[in-house]
Each structure stands twice: as C-alpha cells, then as structure tokens.
Amino acid sequence: MSRFLRKRYQDFEAYTPGEQPQDREYIKLNTNESPYPPAPGVVKALKETDMERLRLYPDPTGHRLKTKIAKLYGVNEENVFLSNGSDEILNFAFLAFTDDDETLLFPDITYSFYKVIAALHGINYREVPLADDMTIDVDAFCAEPANVVIPNPNAPTGLALGLDDIAKIAKANTDRIVLVDEAYVDFGAETSVPLIKEFDNVLVSQTFSKSRSFAGGRLGFAIGNASVIRDLEMIQYSTNPYNVNALSLILAEAAIDENGYYAANCKKIEATREQTEKALSALGATVLPSKANFIFAKVPGFAGEDIYRELKQRGILVRHWNQPRIADWVRITIGTPEQMDTLVATLKEIVEK
C-alpha cells in the first residue's frame, strides 16, 4: 500500500473473491455460478441492442426493469431498488441504517463480505454464533434491538430459515432494519418478500447472478418499504447515480421475460444437488441439507484444505476457508450432472487413495 492511504485502512483486510484462475481449464465449482447459459431471449436481446446508444447514460431510475420486477414479485415499483450486484445493496444499506451508537448483527459463519463492509464504514458489529448444528440461532437475533443481516439460505452452509423465523426476528427489532440476503433463495428456500407488507423494517436483497445466469452482468435488486427504498436511492444518487449500466438493464428485462426458463434451470440444479448429496453421503461424507446452489460437506479423516488442494490438483475448484468450526469443510457449487459425476468420482479416488 502507498504512504498516502488513510490510517484507518492501513491494516484493513479486504474481501477475498473466489478464484478465477487463467492458468488452465478447471471444473469451476467454487463461486456458485450457474452451470447453464442465459436464456435464449437474453442472447437475442443482446444481439438486437443498438450499440450506438451506449454513448448515452442509462436510465438512473431503471423504470422499465423495476416495473417488471414489481409485477413478478407482487409489489409496486416504489418497493424496488436496483443495484450493481447485490453487494452494492449491502454497501448502501450498511451506510444508510446503522448509526455510530448502534450495533449490526450477523452470523459468525456466513458471507465474509458483511464483516468487510462493516469495517470499511467503521460500523460496530457483532457476529452471532451459529448453533451446534450450523443453523442460525433465531433467539439470539431477538435478544436485543439491533440492525440485522440474515442470509437466507446462509452461505456457506446452505441452510435456510422459514418465514416464521424471519418474522420473529423482524418483530423483535421493529425499530431497526432486518436485511434478508436472498442471493440463493431460488433453489428451494422461501422468499421473505411477502413480509414487507407486514413489516416496514424488512428489506429483501436478491441477485441475478445465481439463478438467472448473470454473474457477469452485475445486477441486484432489493424489495422493501417505499421509504426504505428511498433511503437507498438517496445513498445511490450520492455515490453512483448511474449504478446499473444500460446493457445490464436491457438484458435483465429480457431475463425477467424468460422467468420460466430460469425456474426450470433451478429445478434441474436442485435435482443434481440431491443426487450429489446422496453420492457424497455414500462415500462417507457429511453433507448439510442445502437449499442453495451449493452444498457444504466434509470427509472424515481429511482436512478441508487437503480436499481442496487434492481436487484442484485434479482440475476441480471448490471453496475452502481456514476458519474455526469449518476448517474441515468445503463448499461445492452444483454444476451440470456430468460435472458432479466427475467430482464424485474424483473424491472417491482421493478417499480410496
């Protein structure tokens, strides 16, 4: 780092993204991308886009896309916020809703970006330990009024809460924001969007990256009370008013029009996930019951880092964290059936060796 960096950032630990290696071809099961291509309508929309229009700024309100998202989720346009990936929603929400004398709560084993964003903005936060079975301790999030981030399903565990649990947390923190991060909700979990009509403090964050095969397009959205959405827009217009580029707006509209295609892909991924869970269990692995497009697993007798390195050596990437309680586990993205067959066969080879 340079000698000009602010003192508060000189010992700062940034977020570490999943590997995107260029040295060889891998079966990439480490960053929870979809194994399936964008819908035909999205490809068609890209080919038909008038590239000359890229000289113009995009619509900062994203009106057309907001209208389609609102219709799909049964809310009004004023309840929808658009972002450059759902990480931007987290960034804006952390900035907007936690005062200096308040504390932000999130699980201790979860998306590590929460801690990074909180530290970046100097926000007081507390990590709430998961229960022994790796589930989110709902009562612990109800013990004291606080702003809360609940990943549902959680990552890297893949475990999900029901709406009753989310509602319980919202009731216990009525004067604070409860942000439900639903990056993986489309793979078998239940969305909290209906709760925004009952609780004005519930803010739901989703992304096009996973279930809509659009990780490279960087498009996220939030759904919440209109006043909360206006707060996010105030932060947006104060930092990056044209936060969603014109191409992403066009292609995301086409993706909403092709919602059936993506829903079918989610079902395929769920089926592959179940088959993989059974196959890994047959090898003696412990696999948590996931509602996401990944599974969290450990193989008795093997450190998680050893499994990660052995698989990488054989051309398969998974994700591992050298972190207390989960050091023996790896997170495995669900790929195509053929990719998962290769993973299982490779793991069997490793175990038998």
Protein backbone atom coordinates (compact mmCIF):
# COMPACT_ATOMS: atom_id res chain seq x y z
CA MET A 1 0.00 0.00 0.00
CA SER A 2 1.11 3.57 -0.56
CA ARG A 3 2.15 6.08 2.08
CA PHE A 4 -0.94 8.12 1.19
CA LEU A 5 -3.55 5.62 2.37
CA ARG A 6 -5.67 6.78 5.30
CA LYS A 7 -4.50 5.44 8.64
CA ARG A 8 -7.80 3.68 9.31
CA TYR A 9 -7.23 1.47 6.23
CA GLN A 10 -3.54 0.66 6.65
CA ASP A 11 -4.28 -2.64 8.42
CA PHE A 12 -7.53 -3.25 6.59
CA GLU A 13 -8.32 -6.78 5.34
CA ALA A 14 -10.24 -6.68 2.07
CA TYR A 15 -12.67 -9.33 0.87
CA THR A 16 -11.07 -12.25 -0.99
CA PRO A 17 -13.15 -13.26 -4.04
CA GLY A 18 -13.31 -16.87 -5.20
CA GLU A 19 -10.55 -17.99 -7.53
CA GLN A 20 -10.91 -17.19 -11.21
CA PRO A 21 -7.70 -18.86 -12.49
CA GLN A 22 -6.47 -18.41 -16.02
CA ASP A 23 -3.61 -20.91 -15.99
CA ARG A 24 -5.65 -23.94 -17.08
CA GLU A 25 -9.18 -25.23 -17.62
CA TYR A 26 -10.93 -26.20 -14.41
CA ILE A 27 -14.32 -27.57 -13.50
CA LYS A 28 -15.33 -24.45 -11.57
CA LEU A 29 -17.36 -25.39 -8.53
CA ASN A 30 -16.12 -22.60 -6.27
CA THR A 31 -18.08 -19.39 -6.94
CA ASN A 32 -21.72 -20.53 -7.16
CA GLU A 33 -22.20 -19.50 -10.78
CA SER A 34 -24.93 -21.17 -12.80
CA PRO A 35 -23.81 -24.06 -14.99
CA TYR A 36 -26.44 -23.08 -17.57
CA PRO A 37 -26.31 -20.25 -20.13
CA PRO A 38 -28.55 -17.19 -20.17
CA ALA A 39 -31.99 -17.67 -21.67
CA PRO A 40 -32.35 -17.52 -25.48
CA GLY A 41 -34.34 -14.29 -25.12
CA VAL A 42 -31.42 -12.67 -23.30
CA VAL A 43 -28.99 -13.65 -26.04
CA LYS A 44 -31.44 -12.33 -28.64
CA ALA A 45 -31.79 -9.03 -26.76
CA LEU A 46 -28.03 -8.60 -26.72
CA LYS A 47 -27.73 -9.24 -30.47
CA GLU A 48 -30.52 -6.76 -31.20
CA THR A 49 -29.24 -3.99 -28.91
CA ASP A 50 -28.38 -0.77 -30.70
CA MET A 51 -24.78 -0.33 -29.51
CA GLU A 52 -24.80 3.28 -30.69
CA ARG A 53 -26.96 4.04 -27.66
CA LEU A 54 -24.09 3.19 -25.34
CA ARG A 55 -22.88 6.76 -25.82
CA LEU A 56 -25.87 7.81 -23.67
CA TYR A 57 -26.24 7.41 -19.93
CA PRO A 58 -28.61 4.67 -18.76
CA ASP A 59 -31.90 5.48 -17.06
CA PRO A 60 -30.81 6.10 -13.44
CA THR A 61 -34.24 5.00 -12.18
CA GLY A 62 -34.32 1.74 -14.15
CA HIS A 63 -38.07 2.32 -14.54
CA ARG A 64 -38.78 -0.41 -17.11
CA LEU A 65 -36.90 -3.11 -15.21
CA LYS A 66 -38.36 -2.05 -11.86
CA THR A 67 -41.86 -2.36 -13.33
CA LYS A 68 -41.19 -5.93 -14.47
CA ILE A 69 -39.62 -6.97 -11.15
CA ALA A 70 -42.50 -5.41 -9.22
CA LYS A 71 -45.04 -7.32 -11.29
CA LEU A 72 -43.17 -10.61 -10.86
CA TYR A 73 -42.98 -10.26 -7.07
CA GLY A 74 -46.41 -8.73 -6.50
CA VAL A 75 -45.22 -5.36 -5.22
CA ASN A 76 -45.20 -1.77 -6.53
CA GLU A 77 -42.39 -0.09 -8.43
CA GLU A 78 -41.73 2.14 -5.42
CA ASN A 79 -40.82 -1.01 -3.47
CA VAL A 80 -37.95 -1.95 -5.82
CA PHE A 81 -34.34 -0.79 -5.79
CA LEU A 82 -31.79 -1.71 -8.48
CA SER A 83 -28.08 -2.15 -7.90
CA ASN A 84 -24.77 -3.10 -9.44
CA GLY A 85 -24.84 -6.60 -7.97
CA SER A 86 -26.42 -7.31 -4.60
CA ASP A 87 -23.14 -6.45 -2.84
CA GLU A 88 -23.93 -2.82 -3.62
CA ILE A 89 -27.22 -3.17 -1.72
CA LEU A 90 -25.27 -4.41 1.30
CA ASN A 91 -22.87 -1.49 0.98
CA PHE A 92 -25.64 1.10 0.72
CA ALA A 93 -27.74 -0.47 3.48
CA PHE A 94 -24.81 -0.64 5.90
CA LEU A 95 -24.10 3.02 5.15
CA ALA A 96 -27.71 4.11 5.49
CA PHE A 97 -29.12 2.35 8.53
CA THR A 98 -26.56 1.82 11.33
CA ASP A 99 -25.72 4.85 13.49
CA ASP A 100 -22.46 5.20 15.38
CA ASP A 101 -24.06 4.19 18.69
CA GLU A 102 -25.77 1.11 17.23
CA THR A 103 -24.61 -2.45 16.59
CA LEU A 104 -25.12 -4.55 13.48
CA LEU A 105 -25.68 -8.28 13.94
CA PHE A 106 -24.95 -11.12 11.52
CA PRO A 107 -23.91 -14.79 11.90
CA ASP A 108 -20.31 -15.68 12.69
CA ILE A 109 -20.19 -18.24 9.87
CA THR A 110 -21.62 -16.53 6.81
CA TYR A 111 -20.75 -14.37 3.80
CA SER A 112 -17.43 -12.79 4.82
CA PHE A 113 -18.19 -9.58 2.91
CA TYR A 114 -20.54 -8.47 5.74
CA LYS A 115 -17.61 -8.06 8.09
CA VAL A 116 -15.53 -6.30 5.43
CA ILE A 117 -18.21 -3.71 4.61
CA ALA A 118 -18.91 -3.04 8.28
CA ALA A 119 -15.22 -2.50 8.96
CA LEU A 120 -14.85 -0.31 5.87
CA HIS A 121 -17.50 2.09 7.17
CA GLY A 122 -16.46 1.91 10.82
CA ILE A 123 -19.73 0.23 11.85
CA ASN A 124 -19.95 -1.55 15.18
CA TYR A 125 -20.89 -5.16 14.53
CA ARG A 126 -21.23 -8.42 16.44
CA GLU A 127 -21.05 -11.89 14.99
CA VAL A 128 -23.72 -14.18 16.43
CA PRO A 129 -22.50 -17.79 16.69
CA LEU A 130 -24.38 -20.42 14.73
CA ALA A 131 -25.94 -23.22 16.74
CA ASP A 132 -24.07 -26.53 17.04
CA ASP A 133 -25.99 -27.89 14.04
CA MET A 134 -24.85 -24.90 11.93
CA THR A 135 -28.32 -23.31 11.89
CA ILE A 136 -28.89 -19.62 12.59
CA ASP A 137 -29.75 -19.01 16.25
CA VAL A 138 -33.02 -17.11 15.82
CA ASP A 139 -33.47 -16.31 19.53
CA ALA A 140 -30.03 -14.72 19.68
CA PHE A 141 -31.08 -12.25 16.98
CA CYS A 142 -34.15 -11.37 19.05
CA ALA A 143 -32.33 -10.78 22.34
CA GLU A 144 -31.57 -7.08 21.85
CA PRO A 145 -32.76 -4.40 19.40
CA ALA A 146 -30.26 -4.14 16.55
CA ASN A 147 -29.92 -3.88 12.81
CA VAL A 148 -29.70 -7.43 11.50
CA VAL A 149 -28.43 -9.16 8.36
CA ILE A 150 -29.88 -12.63 7.84
CA PRO A 151 -28.54 -14.58 4.84
CA ASN A 152 -31.32 -16.95 3.81
CA PRO A 153 -30.19 -19.51 2.78
CA ASN A 154 -26.95 -18.93 4.63
CA ALA A 155 -23.60 -19.29 2.92
CA PRO A 156 -21.54 -21.41 3.09
CA THR A 157 -23.87 -23.81 4.93
CA GLY A 158 -26.84 -23.67 2.52
CA LEU A 159 -29.27 -23.92 5.45
CA ALA A 160 -32.45 -21.83 5.34
CA LEU A 161 -34.93 -20.36 7.81
CA GLY A 162 -38.70 -20.33 7.35
CA LEU A 163 -40.81 -17.18 7.17
CA ASP A 164 -41.96 -17.61 10.77
CA ASP A 165 -38.37 -17.27 11.96
CA ILE A 166 -37.73 -14.20 9.82
CA ALA A 167 -40.97 -12.63 11.09
CA LYS A 168 -39.92 -13.35 14.67
CA ILE A 169 -36.64 -11.51 14.14
CA ALA A 170 -38.45 -8.60 12.45
CA LYS A 171 -40.89 -8.30 15.38
CA ALA A 172 -38.05 -8.28 17.90
CA ASN A 173 -36.29 -5.45 16.05
CA THR A 174 -39.21 -3.27 14.92
CA ASP A 175 -37.18 -0.06 15.15
CA ARG A 176 -34.22 -1.49 13.25
CA ILE A 177 -33.66 -2.79 9.73
CA VAL A 178 -33.72 -6.55 9.13
CA LEU A 179 -31.94 -7.17 5.83
CA VAL A 180 -32.65 -10.62 4.41
CA ASP A 181 -29.94 -11.54 1.91
CA GLU A 182 -31.59 -13.95 -0.53
CA ALA A 183 -28.81 -14.49 -3.05
CA TYR A 184 -29.63 -18.22 -3.14
CA VAL A 185 -33.34 -18.25 -2.37
CA ASP A 186 -34.47 -19.56 -5.79
CA PHE A 187 -33.02 -23.04 -5.21
CA GLY A 188 -35.61 -24.28 -2.73
CA ALA A 189 -35.95 -21.72 0.05
CA GLU A 190 -38.87 -19.37 0.74
CA THR A 191 -38.60 -15.66 -0.05
CA SER A 192 -39.34 -13.08 2.63
CA VAL A 193 -40.79 -10.61 0.10
CA PRO A 194 -44.37 -11.13 1.42
CA LEU A 195 -43.20 -9.88 4.82
CA ILE A 196 -42.54 -6.36 3.54
CA LYS A 197 -46.31 -5.78 3.53
CA GLU A 198 -46.44 -6.60 7.25
CA PHE A 199 -43.11 -5.19 8.44
CA ASP A 200 -41.74 -1.84 7.27
CA ASN A 201 -38.30 -2.81 8.64
CA VAL A 202 -37.79 -5.86 6.39
CA LEU A 203 -35.55 -5.30 3.37
CA VAL A 204 -35.02 -8.22 0.99
CA SER A 205 -31.95 -8.39 -1.24
CA GLN A 206 -31.69 -10.62 -4.31
CA THR A 207 -29.39 -11.01 -7.30
CA PHE A 208 -29.49 -12.07 -10.94
CA SER A 209 -26.03 -13.65 -10.55
CA LYS A 210 -27.01 -17.13 -9.43
CA SER A 211 -30.42 -18.34 -10.58
CA ARG A 212 -30.54 -16.07 -13.65
CA SER A 213 -27.07 -16.92 -15.03
CA PHE A 214 -25.98 -13.27 -14.90
CA ALA A 215 -22.97 -13.10 -12.58
CA GLY A 216 -21.02 -11.21 -15.23
CA GLY A 217 -23.84 -8.72 -15.73
CA ARG A 218 -23.73 -7.43 -12.12
CA LEU A 219 -27.43 -6.86 -11.42
CA GLY A 220 -29.02 -6.97 -7.98
CA PHE A 221 -32.27 -5.69 -6.56
CA ALA A 222 -33.89 -5.04 -3.21
CA ILE A 223 -37.55 -5.08 -2.24
CA GLY A 224 -38.85 -3.23 0.79
CA ASN A 225 -40.99 -0.46 2.19
CA ALA A 226 -41.11 2.57 -0.12
CA SER A 227 -39.50 4.84 2.49
CA VAL A 228 -36.60 2.41 2.95
CA ILE A 229 -36.14 2.19 -0.82
CA ARG A 230 -35.96 5.99 -0.98
CA ASP A 231 -33.19 5.88 1.63
CA LEU A 232 -31.19 3.53 -0.58
CA GLU A 233 -31.81 5.76 -3.60
CA MET A 234 -30.50 8.75 -1.65
CA ILE A 235 -27.25 6.88 -0.99
CA GLN A 236 -27.15 5.74 -4.64
CA TYR A 237 -27.57 9.25 -6.03
CA SER A 238 -24.90 10.50 -3.63
CA THR A 239 -22.31 7.95 -4.72
CA ASN A 240 -23.07 6.43 -8.14
CA PRO A 241 -26.31 7.72 -9.73
CA TYR A 242 -25.88 5.64 -12.90
CA ASN A 243 -25.05 2.49 -10.96
CA VAL A 244 -26.62 -0.03 -13.39
CA ASN A 245 -25.27 0.08 -16.94
CA ALA A 246 -27.51 0.23 -19.99
CA LEU A 247 -26.71 -3.28 -21.25
CA SER A 248 -27.45 -4.87 -17.89
CA LEU A 249 -30.81 -3.09 -17.74
CA ILE A 250 -31.76 -4.37 -21.21
CA LEU A 251 -30.62 -7.94 -20.58
CA ALA A 252 -32.18 -8.11 -17.12
CA GLU A 253 -35.54 -7.11 -18.62
CA ALA A 254 -35.21 -9.96 -21.09
CA ALA A 255 -34.31 -12.32 -18.25
CA ILE A 256 -37.49 -11.43 -16.36
CA ASP A 257 -39.46 -12.15 -19.55
CA GLU A 258 -37.82 -15.61 -19.61
CA ASN A 259 -38.53 -16.41 -15.96
CA GLY A 260 -39.88 -19.88 -16.81
CA TYR A 261 -36.55 -20.87 -18.37
CA TYR A 262 -34.65 -19.92 -15.22
CA ALA A 263 -37.18 -21.59 -12.91
CA ALA A 264 -36.69 -24.82 -14.86
CA ASN A 265 -32.90 -24.49 -14.52
CA CYS A 266 -33.29 -24.06 -10.76
CA LYS A 267 -35.26 -27.29 -10.61
CA LYS A 268 -32.51 -29.06 -12.56
CA ILE A 269 -29.89 -27.73 -10.16
CA GLU A 270 -31.98 -28.86 -7.17
CA ALA A 271 -32.24 -32.37 -8.63
CA THR A 272 -28.49 -32.50 -9.28
CA ARG A 273 -27.85 -31.24 -5.75
CA GLU A 274 -29.93 -34.05 -4.25
CA GLN A 275 -28.15 -36.67 -6.38
CA THR A 276 -24.76 -35.28 -5.35
CA GLU A 277 -25.71 -35.21 -1.66
CA LYS A 278 -26.63 -38.91 -1.85
CA ALA A 279 -23.46 -39.83 -3.75
CA LEU A 280 -21.19 -37.98 -1.30
CA SER A 281 -23.01 -39.46 1.68
CA ALA A 282 -22.37 -42.91 0.19
CA LEU A 283 -18.65 -42.07 0.25
CA GLY A 284 -18.93 -41.37 3.98
CA ALA A 285 -19.05 -37.58 3.69
CA THR A 286 -21.18 -35.40 5.96
CA VAL A 287 -23.37 -33.09 3.87
CA LEU A 288 -25.64 -30.37 5.24
CA PRO A 289 -29.20 -30.24 3.78
CA SER A 290 -28.80 -27.32 1.40
CA LYS A 291 -31.45 -25.02 -0.09
CA ALA A 292 -28.86 -23.23 -2.23
CA ASN A 293 -27.00 -23.98 -5.46
CA PHE A 294 -24.11 -25.42 -3.48
CA ILE A 295 -23.50 -27.98 -0.76
CA PHE A 296 -21.31 -27.86 2.34
CA ALA A 297 -19.52 -31.11 3.03
CA LYS A 298 -16.69 -32.72 4.96
CA VAL A 299 -14.96 -36.06 4.55
CA PRO A 300 -13.99 -37.80 7.81
CA GLY A 301 -10.24 -38.24 8.12
CA PHE A 302 -9.45 -35.38 5.74
CA ALA A 303 -8.80 -31.71 6.44
CA GLY A 304 -10.86 -29.39 4.28
CA GLU A 305 -7.71 -27.79 2.90
CA ASP A 306 -6.39 -31.21 1.81
CA ILE A 307 -9.64 -31.95 -0.06
CA TYR A 308 -9.48 -28.52 -1.70
CA ARG A 309 -5.84 -29.00 -2.81
CA GLU A 310 -6.30 -32.58 -4.00
CA LEU A 311 -9.30 -31.56 -6.10
CA LYS A 312 -7.54 -28.51 -7.52
CA GLN A 313 -4.55 -30.65 -8.49
CA ARG A 314 -7.00 -32.80 -10.46
CA GLY A 315 -8.65 -29.82 -12.18
CA ILE A 316 -11.66 -29.19 -9.92
CA LEU A 317 -12.09 -25.98 -7.93
CA VAL A 318 -14.12 -25.85 -4.70
CA ARG A 319 -14.09 -23.27 -1.89
CA HIS A 320 -12.39 -23.69 1.48
CA TRP A 321 -11.99 -21.39 4.48
CA ASN A 322 -9.30 -21.91 7.12
CA GLN A 323 -11.69 -20.72 9.80
CA PRO A 324 -12.63 -22.16 13.21
CA ARG A 325 -15.50 -24.68 13.14
CA ILE A 326 -15.49 -25.01 9.34
CA ALA A 327 -11.84 -25.75 8.54
CA ASP A 328 -12.71 -29.37 7.74
CA TRP A 329 -15.50 -28.40 5.34
CA VAL A 330 -15.57 -27.40 1.67
CA ARG A 331 -18.30 -25.63 -0.25
CA ILE A 332 -19.12 -27.19 -3.61
CA THR A 333 -21.13 -25.36 -6.26
CA ILE A 334 -23.67 -27.50 -8.10
CA GLY A 335 -22.63 -27.79 -11.73
CA THR A 336 -24.05 -29.91 -14.53
CA PRO A 337 -24.82 -33.58 -13.78
CA GLU A 338 -21.71 -34.53 -15.75
CA GLN A 339 -19.50 -32.17 -13.73
CA MET A 340 -20.88 -33.51 -10.45
CA ASP A 341 -20.32 -37.10 -11.59
CA THR A 342 -16.69 -36.16 -12.22
CA LEU A 343 -16.45 -34.54 -8.80
CA VAL A 344 -17.85 -37.61 -7.03
CA ALA A 345 -15.58 -39.99 -8.96
CA THR A 346 -12.56 -37.81 -8.17
CA LEU A 347 -13.43 -37.61 -4.49
CA LYS A 348 -13.84 -41.39 -4.41
CA GLU A 349 -10.37 -41.72 -5.89
CA ILE A 350 -8.96 -39.36 -3.24
CA VAL A 351 -10.69 -41.18 -0.37
CA GLU A 352 -9.63 -44.62 -1.57
CA LYS A 353 -6.05 -43.47 -2.10
